[in-house]
Amino acid sequence: MIRKFETQDLDAVMQIWLHGNLDAHAFIAASFWTEHFEMVRDLLPQAELYVHENEDTRQIDGFIGLTENHIEGVFVCLLYTSPSPRDA
């Protein structure tokens, strides 16, 4: 089910954000993402976010950020994505 982000979703959303960026941007030092983690954690709740919640497990497995009619980012839990090219 897709629904609007709620404050209690922040920990799950941040883990998806961190691991998604580490996986998708392996050419960027992991420290870049970990050093920006707290800043993003503070900013994300101010954005227009929607999460996908697995109806069986009630776990957040993805989210999207919007600005007006523009998609700022789509993040999906790595358990539900295709293998990374570097995993091939």
C-alpha atoms as a PDB file:
ATOM      1  CA  MET A   1       0.000   0.000   0.000  1.00  0.00           C
ATOM      2  CA  ILE A   2       1.270   3.482  -0.842  1.00  0.00           C
ATOM      3  CA  ARG A   3       0.660   6.131   1.789  1.00  0.00           C
ATOM      4  CA  LYS A   4       1.979   9.467   2.959  1.00  0.00           C
ATOM      5  CA  PHE A   5       5.179   9.380   5.047  1.00  0.00           C
ATOM      6  CA  GLU A   6       4.688   9.440   8.815  1.00  0.00           C
ATOM      7  CA  THR A   7       7.318  10.384  11.404  1.00  0.00           C
ATOM      8  CA  GLN A   8       7.584   6.798  12.664  1.00  0.00           C
ATOM      9  CA  ASP A   9       8.706   5.748   9.143  1.00  0.00           C
ATOM     10  CA  LEU A  10      11.944   7.743   9.374  1.00  0.00           C
ATOM     11  CA  ASP A  11      14.276   4.962  10.589  1.00  0.00           C
ATOM     12  CA  ALA A  12      13.155   2.555   7.854  1.00  0.00           C
ATOM     13  CA  VAL A  13      13.271   5.252   5.166  1.00  0.00           C
ATOM     14  CA  MET A  14      16.770   6.280   6.201  1.00  0.00           C
ATOM     15  CA  GLN A  15      18.059   2.708   6.033  1.00  0.00           C
ATOM     16  CA  ILE A  16      16.600   2.341   2.538  1.00  0.00           C
ATOM     17  CA  TRP A  17      18.140   5.710   1.564  1.00  0.00           C
ATOM     18  CA  LEU A  18      21.582   4.786   2.891  1.00  0.00           C
ATOM     19  CA  HIS A  19      21.779   1.277   1.461  1.00  0.00           C
ATOM     20  CA  GLY A  20      20.270   2.367  -1.849  1.00  0.00           C
ATOM     21  CA  ASN A  21      22.878   5.087  -2.275  1.00  0.00           C
ATOM     22  CA  LEU A  22      25.738   2.827  -1.208  1.00  0.00           C
ATOM     23  CA  ASP A  23      24.619   0.241  -3.765  1.00  0.00           C
ATOM     24  CA  ALA A  24      23.800   2.595  -6.640  1.00  0.00           C
ATOM     25  CA  HIS A  25      26.819   4.865  -6.216  1.00  0.00           C
ATOM     26  CA  ALA A  26      29.672   2.501  -5.448  1.00  0.00           C
ATOM     27  CA  PHE A  27      32.023   4.943  -7.202  1.00  0.00           C
ATOM     28  CA  ILE A  28      31.416   7.458  -4.376  1.00  0.00           C
ATOM     29  CA  ALA A  29      33.178   6.802  -1.072  1.00  0.00           C
ATOM     30  CA  ALA A  30      30.820   5.239   1.484  1.00  0.00           C
ATOM     31  CA  SER A  31      31.928   7.911   3.937  1.00  0.00           C
ATOM     32  CA  PHE A  32      30.162  10.541   1.812  1.00  0.00           C
ATOM     33  CA  TRP A  33      26.795   8.887   2.494  1.00  0.00           C
ATOM     34  CA  THR A  34      27.459   8.165   6.157  1.00  0.00           C
ATOM     35  CA  GLU A  35      28.724  11.716   6.737  1.00  0.00           C
ATOM     36  CA  HIS A  36      25.520  13.156   5.205  1.00  0.00           C
ATOM     37  CA  PHE A  37      23.196  10.712   6.952  1.00  0.00           C
ATOM     38  CA  GLU A  38      22.171  13.013   9.834  1.00  0.00           C
ATOM     39  CA  MET A  39      21.645  16.009   7.551  1.00  0.00           C
ATOM     40  CA  VAL A  40      19.371  13.986   5.271  1.00  0.00           C
ATOM     41  CA  ARG A  41      17.599  12.558   8.319  1.00  0.00           C
ATOM     42  CA  ASP A  42      16.793  16.108   9.414  1.00  0.00           C
ATOM     43  CA  LEU A  43      15.680  17.247   5.951  1.00  0.00           C
ATOM     44  CA  LEU A  44      13.622  14.288   4.727  1.00  0.00           C
ATOM     45  CA  PRO A  45      10.618  14.847   7.014  1.00  0.00           C
ATOM     46  CA  GLN A  46      10.268  18.332   5.495  1.00  0.00           C
ATOM     47  CA  ALA A  47       9.866  16.874   2.001  1.00  0.00           C
ATOM     48  CA  GLU A  48       6.748  15.485   0.373  1.00  0.00           C
ATOM     49  CA  LEU A  49       7.299  11.749   0.788  1.00  0.00           C
ATOM     50  CA  TYR A  50       5.212   8.679   0.114  1.00  0.00           C
ATOM     51  CA  VAL A  51       6.147   5.211   1.301  1.00  0.00           C
ATOM     52  CA  HIS A  52       5.248   1.744   0.131  1.00  0.00           C
ATOM     53  CA  GLU A  53       4.297  -0.460   3.058  1.00  0.00           C
ATOM     54  CA  ASN A  54       4.177  -4.211   2.538  1.00  0.00           C
ATOM     55  CA  GLU A  55       0.645  -5.184   3.537  1.00  0.00           C
ATOM     56  CA  ASP A  56       1.734  -8.587   4.864  1.00  0.00           C
ATOM     57  CA  THR A  57       4.770  -7.557   6.909  1.00  0.00           C
ATOM     58  CA  ARG A  58       3.787  -3.899   7.572  1.00  0.00           C
ATOM     59  CA  GLN A  59       7.403  -2.989   6.721  1.00  0.00           C
ATOM     60  CA  ILE A  60       8.405  -0.020   4.570  1.00  0.00           C
ATOM     61  CA  ASP A  61      10.086  -1.350   1.426  1.00  0.00           C
ATOM     62  CA  GLY A  62      10.369   1.817  -0.632  1.00  0.00           C
ATOM     63  CA  PHE A  63       9.673   5.513  -0.833  1.00  0.00           C
ATOM     64  CA  ILE A  64       9.430   8.419  -3.276  1.00  0.00           C
ATOM     65  CA  GLY A  65      10.147  12.105  -2.768  1.00  0.00           C
ATOM     66  CA  LEU A  66       8.272  14.769  -4.726  1.00  0.00           C
ATOM     67  CA  THR A  67       8.507  18.507  -5.310  1.00  0.00           C
ATOM     68  CA  GLU A  68       5.299  19.719  -6.929  1.00  0.00           C
ATOM     69  CA  ASN A  69       5.078  17.520 -10.064  1.00  0.00           C
ATOM     70  CA  HIS A  70       8.750  16.500 -10.045  1.00  0.00           C
ATOM     71  CA  ILE A  71      10.091  13.203  -8.703  1.00  0.00           C
ATOM     72  CA  GLU A  72      13.177  13.963  -6.621  1.00  0.00           C
ATOM     73  CA  GLY A  73      14.054  10.349  -5.896  1.00  0.00           C
ATOM     74  CA  VAL A  74      12.756   6.800  -5.761  1.00  0.00           C
ATOM     75  CA  PHE A  75      14.303   4.346  -3.322  1.00  0.00           C
ATOM     76  CA  VAL A  76      13.517   0.643  -3.016  1.00  0.00           C
ATOM     77  CA  CYS A  77      14.730  -1.801  -0.381  1.00  0.00           C
ATOM     78  CA  LEU A  78      17.570  -3.839  -1.908  1.00  0.00           C
ATOM     79  CA  LEU A  79      15.686  -7.073  -1.199  1.00  0.00           C
ATOM     80  CA  TYR A  80      13.248  -6.069  -3.947  1.00  0.00           C
ATOM     81  CA  THR A  81      15.647  -4.817  -6.627  1.00  0.00           C
ATOM     82  CA  SER A  82      17.562  -6.498  -9.416  1.00  0.00           C
ATOM     83  CA  PRO A  83      21.198  -7.291  -8.686  1.00  0.00           C
ATOM     84  CA  SER A  84      23.615  -4.398  -8.987  1.00  0.00           C
ATOM     85  CA  PRO A  85      25.805  -4.475 -12.153  1.00  0.00           C
ATOM     86  CA  ARG A  86      28.866  -4.942  -9.955  1.00  0.00           C
ATOM     87  CA  ASP A  87      27.256  -8.085  -8.465  1.00  0.00           C
ATOM     88  CA  ALA A  88      27.130  -9.735 -11.896  1.00  0.00           C
END
